[in-house]
């Protein structure tokens, strides 16, 4: 009887042990399923309507994400005297089309992400034209008679933003010249909802530390020591800290991306520039070049 009693006790303990282990396993499985349900929702039914809705939602999210990248209204700055509407549609602006000679300097792949402000946030701005113009590694602009570069169009060109609001250029890091911090000019042109032309003109700057590193190398080093840094540039002080490019090193040079949003309802901002340049006819002359 005592043996039978001991066997019965062991059987009860074994049953209790397996039950407790089974309950713990069930609890662990339930907890795991809870986390899976929370972070990995089950796929919805794949009906045609559901598929279409999911596709449309994905498209909207992708567009919003692209447009929202850097969707910040940036300050306009002076166009300067050397904008020339050459209408050169090209991504690589380093060369002069007439000669094919590529301007020497540190390569810079520059991407603009342009959005327009909308009641629901920001929307990628497709079909806008972005003109770029800048000086070379010795501080010289093309198409300026006073600088001896009439008829040349190096470091000038435009691109049109794609469906995601992006436009890409290949250029070089510009040098300095007397009285100005290091910068690149840009002009964005598009149409408002009413069909009116909208122009946004500004400049892009570089940190002084970045410029110092680049200017220590050829061909910039032969240009001497610059006389103006960001803190002493009168134009930079009008919002240049919101217009900084932050290039990162690549295998070929540098790359930078800049995002901005345009308020197409701001008529004063979108008005045409009063100074339309004139470098090709010798405008600007000597002195400080904006």
C-alpha atoms as a PDB file:
ATOM      1  CA  UNK A   1       0.000   0.000   0.000  1.00  0.00           C
ATOM      2  CA  UNK A   2       2.820   2.347   0.905  1.00  0.00           C
ATOM      3  CA  UNK A   3       4.479   1.619  -2.495  1.00  0.00           C
ATOM      4  CA  UNK A   4       1.204   2.237  -4.302  1.00  0.00           C
ATOM      5  CA  UNK A   5       0.743   5.476  -2.376  1.00  0.00           C
ATOM      6  CA  UNK A   6       4.255   6.640  -3.263  1.00  0.00           C
ATOM      7  CA  UNK A   7       3.651   5.799  -6.951  1.00  0.00           C
ATOM      8  CA  UNK A   8       0.384   7.765  -6.927  1.00  0.00           C
ATOM      9  CA  UNK A   9       2.156  10.735  -5.357  1.00  0.00           C
ATOM     10  CA  UNK A  10       4.880  10.701  -7.964  1.00  0.00           C
ATOM     11  CA  UNK A  11       2.273  10.524 -10.751  1.00  0.00           C
ATOM     12  CA  UNK A  12       0.446  13.552  -9.299  1.00  0.00           C
ATOM     13  CA  UNK A  13       3.718  15.501  -9.019  1.00  0.00           C
ATOM     14  CA  UNK A  14       4.627  14.570 -12.618  1.00  0.00           C
ATOM     15  CA  UNK A  15       1.188  15.712 -13.829  1.00  0.00           C
ATOM     16  CA  UNK A  16       1.520  18.984 -11.902  1.00  0.00           C
ATOM     17  CA  UNK A  17       5.058  19.521 -13.267  1.00  0.00           C
ATOM     18  CA  UNK A  18       3.991  18.993 -16.886  1.00  0.00           C
ATOM     19  CA  UNK A  19       0.900  21.170 -16.371  1.00  0.00           C
ATOM     20  CA  UNK A  20       2.971  24.021 -14.928  1.00  0.00           C
ATOM     21  CA  UNK A  21       5.508  23.779 -17.762  1.00  0.00           C
ATOM     22  CA  UNK A  22       2.724  23.657 -20.317  1.00  0.00           C
ATOM     23  CA  UNK A  23       1.062  26.732 -18.819  1.00  0.00           C
ATOM     24  CA  UNK A  24       4.377  28.604 -18.946  1.00  0.00           C
ATOM     25  CA  UNK A  25       4.853  27.597 -22.580  1.00  0.00           C
ATOM     26  CA  UNK A  26       1.302  28.733 -23.401  1.00  0.00           C
ATOM     27  CA  UNK A  27       1.948  32.038 -21.635  1.00  0.00           C
ATOM     28  CA  UNK A  28       5.237  32.537 -23.487  1.00  0.00           C
ATOM     29  CA  UNK A  29       3.573  31.743 -26.806  1.00  0.00           C
ATOM     30  CA  UNK A  30       0.738  34.143 -26.048  1.00  0.00           C
ATOM     31  CA  UNK A  31       3.194  36.919 -25.106  1.00  0.00           C
ATOM     32  CA  UNK A  32       5.214  36.301 -28.265  1.00  0.00           C
ATOM     33  CA  UNK A  33       2.085  36.354 -30.380  1.00  0.00           C
ATOM     34  CA  UNK A  34       1.018  39.583 -28.672  1.00  0.00           C
ATOM     35  CA  UNK A  35       4.296  41.267 -29.707  1.00  0.00           C
ATOM     36  CA  UNK A  36       4.050  39.856 -33.207  1.00  0.00           C
ATOM     37  CA  UNK A  37       0.494  41.140 -33.532  1.00  0.00           C
ATOM     38  CA  UNK A  38       1.543  44.556 -32.202  1.00  0.00           C
ATOM     39  CA  UNK A  39       4.525  45.144 -34.484  1.00  0.00           C
ATOM     40  CA  UNK A  40       3.722  42.906 -37.452  1.00  0.00           C
ATOM     41  CA  UNK A  41       0.070  43.276 -38.325  1.00  0.00           C
ATOM     42  CA  UNK A  42      -1.514  40.521 -40.342  1.00  0.00           C
ATOM     43  CA  UNK A  43      -1.759  41.194 -44.060  1.00  0.00           C
ATOM     44  CA  UNK A  44      -5.226  42.432 -45.091  1.00  0.00           C
ATOM     45  CA  UNK A  45      -7.317  40.472 -47.592  1.00  0.00           C
ATOM     46  CA  UNK A  46      -5.863  40.837 -51.078  1.00  0.00           C
ATOM     47  CA  UNK A  47      -9.011  41.869 -52.890  1.00  0.00           C
ATOM     48  CA  UNK A  48      -8.641  44.188 -55.891  1.00  0.00           C
ATOM     49  CA  UNK A  49     -10.113  47.096 -53.947  1.00  0.00           C
ATOM     50  CA  UNK A  50      -7.822  46.499 -50.992  1.00  0.00           C
ATOM     51  CA  UNK A  51      -4.786  46.186 -53.259  1.00  0.00           C
ATOM     52  CA  UNK A  52      -5.677  49.451 -55.012  1.00  0.00           C
ATOM     53  CA  UNK A  53      -6.158  51.220 -51.676  1.00  0.00           C
ATOM     54  CA  UNK A  54      -2.867  49.917 -50.346  1.00  0.00           C
ATOM     55  CA  UNK A  55      -1.091  50.988 -53.528  1.00  0.00           C
ATOM     56  CA  UNK A  56      -2.573  54.484 -53.354  1.00  0.00           C
ATOM     57  CA  UNK A  57      -1.699  54.769 -49.670  1.00  0.00           C
ATOM     58  CA  UNK A  58       1.876  53.683 -50.339  1.00  0.00           C
ATOM     59  CA  UNK A  59       2.137  56.254 -53.114  1.00  0.00           C
ATOM     60  CA  UNK A  60       0.845  59.059 -50.887  1.00  0.00           C
ATOM     61  CA  UNK A  61       3.179  58.111 -48.040  1.00  0.00           C
ATOM     62  CA  UNK A  62       6.165  57.932 -50.380  1.00  0.00           C
ATOM     63  CA  UNK A  63       5.354  61.317 -51.880  1.00  0.00           C
ATOM     64  CA  UNK A  64       4.824  62.903 -48.470  1.00  0.00           C
ATOM     65  CA  UNK A  65       8.079  61.461 -47.180  1.00  0.00           C
ATOM     66  CA  UNK A  66      10.036  62.706 -50.176  1.00  0.00           C
ATOM     67  CA  UNK A  67       8.462  66.131 -50.051  1.00  0.00           C
ATOM     68  CA  UNK A  68       8.827  66.508 -46.303  1.00  0.00           C
ATOM     69  CA  UNK A  69      12.599  66.005 -46.450  1.00  0.00           C
ATOM     70  CA  UNK A  70      13.934  69.476 -45.712  1.00  0.00           C
ATOM     71  CA  UNK A  71      10.559  71.124 -46.383  1.00  0.00           C
ATOM     72  CA  UNK A  72      11.504  74.432 -44.791  1.00  0.00           C
ATOM     73  CA  UNK A  73      10.885  77.912 -46.173  1.00  0.00           C
ATOM     74  CA  UNK A  74      14.336  79.443 -46.740  1.00  0.00           C
ATOM     75  CA  UNK A  75      15.270  83.133 -47.083  1.00  0.00           C
ATOM     76  CA  UNK A  76      15.699  84.741 -50.476  1.00  0.00           C
ATOM     77  CA  UNK A  77      19.000  86.507 -51.136  1.00  0.00           C
ATOM     78  CA  UNK A  78      20.244  88.871 -53.828  1.00  0.00           C
ATOM     79  CA  UNK A  79      20.572  87.530 -57.359  1.00  0.00           C
ATOM     80  CA  UNK A  80      23.836  89.440 -57.867  1.00  0.00           C
ATOM     81  CA  UNK A  81      25.012  90.927 -61.158  1.00  0.00           C
ATOM     82  CA  UNK A  82      26.120  87.727 -62.889  1.00  0.00           C
ATOM     83  CA  UNK A  83      22.994  85.724 -63.554  1.00  0.00           C
ATOM     84  CA  UNK A  84      22.759  85.044 -67.288  1.00  0.00           C
ATOM     85  CA  UNK A  85      19.732  83.135 -68.575  1.00  0.00           C
ATOM     86  CA  UNK A  86      21.774  80.850 -70.814  1.00  0.00           C
ATOM     87  CA  UNK A  87      19.096  78.123 -70.815  1.00  0.00           C
ATOM     88  CA  UNK A  88      21.702  75.364 -70.602  1.00  0.00           C
ATOM     89  CA  UNK A  89      19.837  72.203 -69.641  1.00  0.00           C
ATOM     90  CA  UNK A  90      22.547  69.990 -68.181  1.00  0.00           C
ATOM     91  CA  UNK A  91      23.307  68.193 -64.939  1.00  0.00           C
ATOM     92  CA  UNK A  92      27.099  68.449 -65.168  1.00  0.00           C
ATOM     93  CA  UNK A  93      27.881  72.168 -65.279  1.00  0.00           C
ATOM     94  CA  UNK A  94      31.654  71.942 -64.888  1.00  0.00           C
ATOM     95  CA  UNK A  95      32.591  72.410 -68.537  1.00  0.00           C
ATOM     96  CA  UNK A  96      32.123  75.085 -71.185  1.00  0.00           C
ATOM     97  CA  UNK A  97      30.015  73.495 -73.954  1.00  0.00           C
ATOM     98  CA  UNK A  98      31.971  75.309 -76.669  1.00  0.00           C
ATOM     99  CA  UNK A  99      35.298  73.789 -75.597  1.00  0.00           C
ATOM    100  CA  UNK A 100      34.364  70.772 -73.494  1.00  0.00           C
ATOM    101  CA  UNK A 101      37.103  71.681 -71.036  1.00  0.00           C
ATOM    102  CA  UNK A 102      36.130  70.680 -67.477  1.00  0.00           C
ATOM    103  CA  UNK A 103      36.831  73.288 -64.814  1.00  0.00           C
ATOM    104  CA  UNK A 104      39.298  72.017 -62.235  1.00  0.00           C
ATOM    105  CA  UNK A 105      38.241  71.739 -58.594  1.00  0.00           C
ATOM    106  CA  UNK A 106      36.841  69.443 -55.903  1.00  0.00           C
ATOM    107  CA  UNK A 107      33.856  67.585 -57.374  1.00  0.00           C
ATOM    108  CA  UNK A 108      30.513  68.290 -55.719  1.00  0.00           C
ATOM    109  CA  UNK A 109      27.375  66.247 -56.432  1.00  0.00           C
ATOM    110  CA  UNK A 110      24.540  68.531 -55.368  1.00  0.00           C
ATOM    111  CA  UNK A 111      20.899  67.467 -54.983  1.00  0.00           C
ATOM    112  CA  UNK A 112      17.987  69.836 -54.396  1.00  0.00           C
ATOM    113  CA  UNK A 113      14.711  68.532 -52.929  1.00  0.00           C
ATOM    114  CA  UNK A 114      12.013  71.127 -53.594  1.00  0.00           C
ATOM    115  CA  UNK A 115       8.511  71.123 -52.125  1.00  0.00           C
ATOM    116  CA  UNK A 116       5.581  73.487 -52.145  1.00  0.00           C
ATOM    117  CA  UNK A 117       3.642  74.327 -49.011  1.00  0.00           C
ATOM    118  CA  UNK A 118       0.115  72.976 -49.078  1.00  0.00           C
ATOM    119  CA  UNK A 119      -2.812  73.106 -46.653  1.00  0.00           C
ATOM    120  CA  UNK A 120      -2.076  69.515 -45.648  1.00  0.00           C
ATOM    121  CA  UNK A 121       1.672  70.006 -45.277  1.00  0.00           C
ATOM    122  CA  UNK A 122       4.228  69.773 -48.056  1.00  0.00           C
ATOM    123  CA  UNK A 123       4.019  68.284 -51.539  1.00  0.00           C
ATOM    124  CA  UNK A 124       6.932  67.529 -53.849  1.00  0.00           C
ATOM    125  CA  UNK A 125       7.220  70.233 -56.518  1.00  0.00           C
ATOM    126  CA  UNK A 126       7.699  68.625 -59.908  1.00  0.00           C
ATOM    127  CA  UNK A 127       8.551  70.505 -63.108  1.00  0.00           C
ATOM    128  CA  UNK A 128      10.327  73.465 -61.495  1.00  0.00           C
ATOM    129  CA  UNK A 129      13.540  74.673 -63.138  1.00  0.00           C
ATOM    130  CA  UNK A 130      16.601  75.277 -60.974  1.00  0.00           C
ATOM    131  CA  UNK A 131      19.415  77.425 -62.361  1.00  0.00           C
ATOM    132  CA  UNK A 132      22.865  77.226 -60.796  1.00  0.00           C
ATOM    133  CA  UNK A 133      25.757  79.606 -61.378  1.00  0.00           C
ATOM    134  CA  UNK A 134      28.993  80.061 -59.445  1.00  0.00           C
ATOM    135  CA  UNK A 135      32.647  81.001 -59.655  1.00  0.00           C
ATOM    136  CA  UNK A 136      35.446  78.522 -60.354  1.00  0.00           C
ATOM    137  CA  UNK A 137      38.375  77.419 -58.174  1.00  0.00           C
ATOM    138  CA  UNK A 138      40.079  80.787 -58.727  1.00  0.00           C
ATOM    139  CA  UNK A 139      37.033  82.949 -58.005  1.00  0.00           C
ATOM    140  CA  UNK A 140      36.115  83.665 -61.647  1.00  0.00           C
ATOM    141  CA  UNK A 141      32.613  83.615 -63.199  1.00  0.00           C
ATOM    142  CA  UNK A 142      31.946  82.736 -66.818  1.00  0.00           C
ATOM    143  CA  UNK A 143      30.058  85.018 -69.241  1.00  0.00           C
ATOM    144  CA  UNK A 144      31.425  88.230 -67.709  1.00  0.00           C
ATOM    145  CA  UNK A 145      33.226  90.666 -70.016  1.00  0.00           C
ATOM    146  CA  UNK A 146      34.935  92.463 -67.130  1.00  0.00           C
ATOM    147  CA  UNK A 147      36.492  89.153 -66.083  1.00  0.00           C
ATOM    148  CA  UNK A 148      37.543  88.205 -69.607  1.00  0.00           C
ATOM    149  CA  UNK A 149      35.111  85.301 -69.841  1.00  0.00           C
ATOM    150  CA  UNK A 150      32.576  86.555 -72.411  1.00  0.00           C
ATOM    151  CA  UNK A 151      31.158  83.741 -74.514  1.00  0.00           C
ATOM    152  CA  UNK A 152      32.082  81.095 -71.935  1.00  0.00           C
ATOM    153  CA  UNK A 153      29.439  79.274 -69.911  1.00  0.00           C
ATOM    154  CA  UNK A 154      31.309  77.060 -67.470  1.00  0.00           C
ATOM    155  CA  UNK A 155      29.633  76.465 -64.104  1.00  0.00           C
ATOM    156  CA  UNK A 156      26.203  77.477 -65.350  1.00  0.00           C
ATOM    157  CA  UNK A 157      23.164  75.347 -66.131  1.00  0.00           C
ATOM    158  CA  UNK A 158      19.705  74.285 -65.092  1.00  0.00           C
ATOM    159  CA  UNK A 159      17.781  71.130 -64.283  1.00  0.00           C
ATOM    160  CA  UNK A 160      14.058  70.391 -63.910  1.00  0.00           C
ATOM    161  CA  UNK A 161      12.750  68.758 -60.750  1.00  0.00           C
ATOM    162  CA  UNK A 162      11.417  65.228 -61.144  1.00  0.00           C
ATOM    163  CA  UNK A 163       8.164  63.798 -59.751  1.00  0.00           C
ATOM    164  CA  UNK A 164       9.745  63.656 -56.299  1.00  0.00           C
ATOM    165  CA  UNK A 165      10.837  67.314 -56.439  1.00  0.00           C
ATOM    166  CA  UNK A 166      14.518  66.440 -56.882  1.00  0.00           C
ATOM    167  CA  UNK A 167      17.098  67.965 -59.236  1.00  0.00           C
ATOM    168  CA  UNK A 168      20.729  66.870 -59.345  1.00  0.00           C
ATOM    169  CA  UNK A 169      23.875  68.680 -60.438  1.00  0.00           C
ATOM    170  CA  UNK A 170      27.546  67.845 -60.759  1.00  0.00           C
ATOM    171  CA  UNK A 171      29.733  70.864 -60.103  1.00  0.00           C
ATOM    172  CA  UNK A 172      32.808  71.834 -58.093  1.00  0.00           C
ATOM    173  CA  UNK A 173      33.247  73.507 -54.736  1.00  0.00           C
ATOM    174  CA  UNK A 174      33.519  77.232 -55.578  1.00  0.00           C
ATOM    175  CA  UNK A 175      36.449  79.349 -54.432  1.00  0.00           C
ATOM    176  CA  UNK A 176      36.357  82.640 -52.575  1.00  0.00           C
ATOM    177  CA  UNK A 177      36.684  86.108 -54.027  1.00  0.00           C
ATOM    178  CA  UNK A 178      37.153  89.526 -52.497  1.00  0.00           C
ATOM    179  CA  UNK A 179      34.445  90.605 -50.088  1.00  0.00           C
ATOM    180  CA  UNK A 180      32.312  87.439 -50.234  1.00  0.00           C
ATOM    181  CA  UNK A 181      31.930  84.208 -48.312  1.00  0.00           C
ATOM    182  CA  UNK A 182      32.012  80.988 -50.342  1.00  0.00           C
ATOM    183  CA  UNK A 183      28.659  80.460 -52.059  1.00  0.00           C
ATOM    184  CA  UNK A 184      26.657  79.080 -54.993  1.00  0.00           C
ATOM    185  CA  UNK A 185      23.788  81.009 -56.601  1.00  0.00           C
ATOM    186  CA  UNK A 186      20.478  79.356 -57.461  1.00  0.00           C
ATOM    187  CA  UNK A 187      17.176  80.431 -58.959  1.00  0.00           C
ATOM    188  CA  UNK A 188      14.027  78.295 -58.879  1.00  0.00           C
ATOM    189  CA  UNK A 189      11.229  79.048 -61.327  1.00  0.00           C
ATOM    190  CA  UNK A 190       7.785  77.498 -61.416  1.00  0.00           C
ATOM    191  CA  UNK A 191       4.118  78.428 -61.900  1.00  0.00           C
ATOM    192  CA  UNK A 192       1.544  79.241 -59.235  1.00  0.00           C
ATOM    193  CA  UNK A 193      -1.943  77.711 -59.186  1.00  0.00           C
ATOM    194  CA  UNK A 194      -3.092  80.787 -61.125  1.00  0.00           C
ATOM    195  CA  UNK A 195      -0.492  80.165 -63.837  1.00  0.00           C
ATOM    196  CA  UNK A 196       1.757  83.059 -62.848  1.00  0.00           C
ATOM    197  CA  UNK A 197       5.544  82.761 -62.894  1.00  0.00           C
ATOM    198  CA  UNK A 198       7.098  82.365 -59.470  1.00  0.00           C
ATOM    199  CA  UNK A 199      10.828  82.985 -58.914  1.00  0.00           C
ATOM    200  CA  UNK A 200      12.813  82.142 -55.835  1.00  0.00           C
ATOM    201  CA  UNK A 201      16.429  83.345 -55.865  1.00  0.00           C
ATOM    202  CA  UNK A 202      18.955  82.648 -53.168  1.00  0.00           C
ATOM    203  CA  UNK A 203      22.480  81.424 -52.404  1.00  0.00           C
ATOM    204  CA  UNK A 204      23.980  78.327 -50.781  1.00  0.00           C
ATOM    205  CA  UNK A 205      26.911  78.545 -48.399  1.00  0.00           C
ATOM    206  CA  UNK A 206      29.518  76.261 -46.836  1.00  0.00           C
ATOM    207  CA  UNK A 207      30.856  76.148 -43.302  1.00  0.00           C
ATOM    208  CA  UNK A 208      34.179  77.900 -42.833  1.00  0.00           C
ATOM    209  CA  UNK A 209      35.769  74.699 -41.547  1.00  0.00           C
ATOM    210  CA  UNK A 210      34.813  72.822 -44.707  1.00  0.00           C
ATOM    211  CA  UNK A 211      36.065  75.637 -46.946  1.00  0.00           C
ATOM    212  CA  UNK A 212      39.372  75.783 -45.048  1.00  0.00           C
ATOM    213  CA  UNK A 213      39.976  72.074 -45.660  1.00  0.00           C
ATOM    214  CA  UNK A 214      39.183  72.304 -49.368  1.00  0.00           C
ATOM    215  CA  UNK A 215      41.167  75.511 -49.915  1.00  0.00           C
ATOM    216  CA  UNK A 216      44.299  73.918 -48.490  1.00  0.00           C
ATOM    217  CA  UNK A 217      44.378  71.678 -51.570  1.00  0.00           C
ATOM    218  CA  UNK A 218      45.138  72.335 -55.232  1.00  0.00           C
ATOM    219  CA  UNK A 219      43.977  74.199 -57.241  1.00  0.00           C
ATOM    220  CA  UNK A 220      42.455  76.390 -54.517  1.00  0.00           C
ATOM    221  CA  UNK A 221      45.655  76.854 -52.523  1.00  0.00           C
ATOM    222  CA  UNK A 222      47.228  78.939 -55.300  1.00  0.00           C
ATOM    223  CA  UNK A 223      44.389  81.470 -54.942  1.00  0.00           C
ATOM    224  CA  UNK A 224      45.730  82.754 -51.616  1.00  0.00           C
ATOM    225  CA  UNK A 225      44.006  83.431 -48.318  1.00  0.00           C
ATOM    226  CA  UNK A 226      40.398  84.575 -48.406  1.00  0.00           C
ATOM    227  CA  UNK A 227      39.489  87.902 -46.856  1.00  0.00           C
ATOM    228  CA  UNK A 228      35.857  87.160 -45.914  1.00  0.00           C
ATOM    229  CA  UNK A 229      34.377  84.442 -43.763  1.00  0.00           C
ATOM    230  CA  UNK A 230      30.712  83.728 -43.111  1.00  0.00           C
ATOM    231  CA  UNK A 231      30.576  85.879 -39.990  1.00  0.00           C
ATOM    232  CA  UNK A 232      31.830  88.954 -41.860  1.00  0.00           C
ATOM    233  CA  UNK A 233      29.803  88.525 -45.045  1.00  0.00           C
ATOM    234  CA  UNK A 234      26.920  91.026 -45.150  1.00  0.00           C
ATOM    235  CA  UNK A 235      24.784  88.780 -47.381  1.00  0.00           C
ATOM    236  CA  UNK A 236      25.364  85.669 -45.268  1.00  0.00           C
ATOM    237  CA  UNK A 237      24.177  87.611 -42.201  1.00  0.00           C
ATOM    238  CA  UNK A 238      20.714  87.892 -43.822  1.00  0.00           C
ATOM    239  CA  UNK A 239      19.961  84.216 -43.220  1.00  0.00           C
ATOM    240  CA  UNK A 240      22.952  82.337 -44.552  1.00  0.00           C
ATOM    241  CA  UNK A 241      22.950  79.999 -41.565  1.00  0.00           C
ATOM    242  CA  UNK A 242      19.680  78.594 -42.965  1.00  0.00           C
ATOM    243  CA  UNK A 243      21.287  78.043 -46.358  1.00  0.00           C
ATOM    244  CA  UNK A 244      24.311  75.964 -45.447  1.00  0.00           C
ATOM    245  CA  UNK A 245      25.359  72.976 -47.511  1.00  0.00           C
ATOM    246  CA  UNK A 246      26.926  70.172 -45.478  1.00  0.00           C
ATOM    247  CA  UNK A 247      28.914  68.073 -47.945  1.00  0.00           C
ATOM    248  CA  UNK A 248      30.079  64.578 -47.079  1.00  0.00           C
ATOM    249  CA  UNK A 249      33.144  62.962 -48.602  1.00  0.00           C
ATOM    250  CA  UNK A 250      32.695  60.431 -51.424  1.00  0.00           C
ATOM    251  CA  UNK A 251      35.145  58.359 -53.419  1.00  0.00           C
ATOM    252  CA  UNK A 252      35.251  61.077 -56.082  1.00  0.00           C
ATOM    253  CA  UNK A 253      34.859  64.245 -54.057  1.00  0.00           C
ATOM    254  CA  UNK A 254      31.848  65.462 -52.075  1.00  0.00           C
ATOM    255  CA  UNK A 255      28.061  65.183 -52.083  1.00  0.00           C
ATOM    256  CA  UNK A 256      25.416  67.408 -50.502  1.00  0.00           C
ATOM    257  CA  UNK A 257      21.621  67.512 -50.406  1.00  0.00           C
ATOM    258  CA  UNK A 258      19.537  70.579 -49.712  1.00  0.00           C
ATOM    259  CA  UNK A 259      15.792  70.681 -49.109  1.00  0.00           C
ATOM    260  CA  UNK A 260      13.483  73.674 -49.181  1.00  0.00           C
ATOM    261  CA  UNK A 261       9.817  74.497 -49.340  1.00  0.00           C
ATOM    262  CA  UNK A 262       8.235  77.245 -51.422  1.00  0.00           C
ATOM    263  CA  UNK A 263       5.120  79.180 -50.457  1.00  0.00           C
ATOM    264  CA  UNK A 264       3.672  79.791 -53.907  1.00  0.00           C
ATOM    265  CA  UNK A 265       1.054  82.142 -52.437  1.00  0.00           C
ATOM    266  CA  UNK A 266       3.736  84.632 -51.327  1.00  0.00           C
ATOM    267  CA  UNK A 267       3.561  87.056 -54.247  1.00  0.00           C
ATOM    268  CA  UNK A 268       6.319  89.334 -52.991  1.00  0.00           C
ATOM    269  CA  UNK A 269       8.757  86.459 -52.681  1.00  0.00           C
ATOM    270  CA  UNK A 270       7.840  85.050 -56.079  1.00  0.00           C
ATOM    271  CA  UNK A 271       8.164  88.360 -57.937  1.00  0.00           C
ATOM    272  CA  UNK A 272      10.750  88.519 -60.719  1.00  0.00           C
ATOM    273  CA  UNK A 273      14.217  89.788 -59.767  1.00  0.00           C
ATOM    274  CA  UNK A 274      14.803  93.443 -60.588  1.00  0.00           C
ATOM    275  CA  UNK A 275      18.488  92.758 -61.242  1.00  0.00           C
ATOM    276  CA  UNK A 276      18.497  90.345 -64.177  1.00  0.00           C
ATOM    277  CA  UNK A 277      22.259  90.083 -64.345  1.00  0.00           C
ATOM    278  CA  UNK A 278      23.991  91.285 -67.477  1.00  0.00           C
ATOM    279  CA  UNK A 279      27.336  89.585 -66.996  1.00  0.00           C
ATOM    280  CA  UNK A 280      27.472  88.585 -70.644  1.00  0.00           C
ATOM    281  CA  UNK A 281      27.423  92.220 -71.689  1.00  0.00           C
ATOM    282  CA  UNK A 282      29.997  93.217 -69.154  1.00  0.00           C
ATOM    283  CA  UNK A 283      27.757  94.187 -66.235  1.00  0.00           C
ATOM    284  CA  UNK A 284      29.071  94.221 -62.725  1.00  0.00           C
ATOM    285  CA  UNK A 285      32.587  95.376 -63.427  1.00  0.00           C
ATOM    286  CA  UNK A 286      35.048  95.411 -60.592  1.00  0.00           C
ATOM    287  CA  UNK A 287      34.575  95.563 -56.865  1.00  0.00           C
ATOM    288  CA  UNK A 288      32.686  93.066 -54.737  1.00  0.00           C
ATOM    289  CA  UNK A 289      30.807  90.446 -56.730  1.00  0.00           C
ATOM    290  CA  UNK A 290      27.610  89.205 -55.002  1.00  0.00           C
END
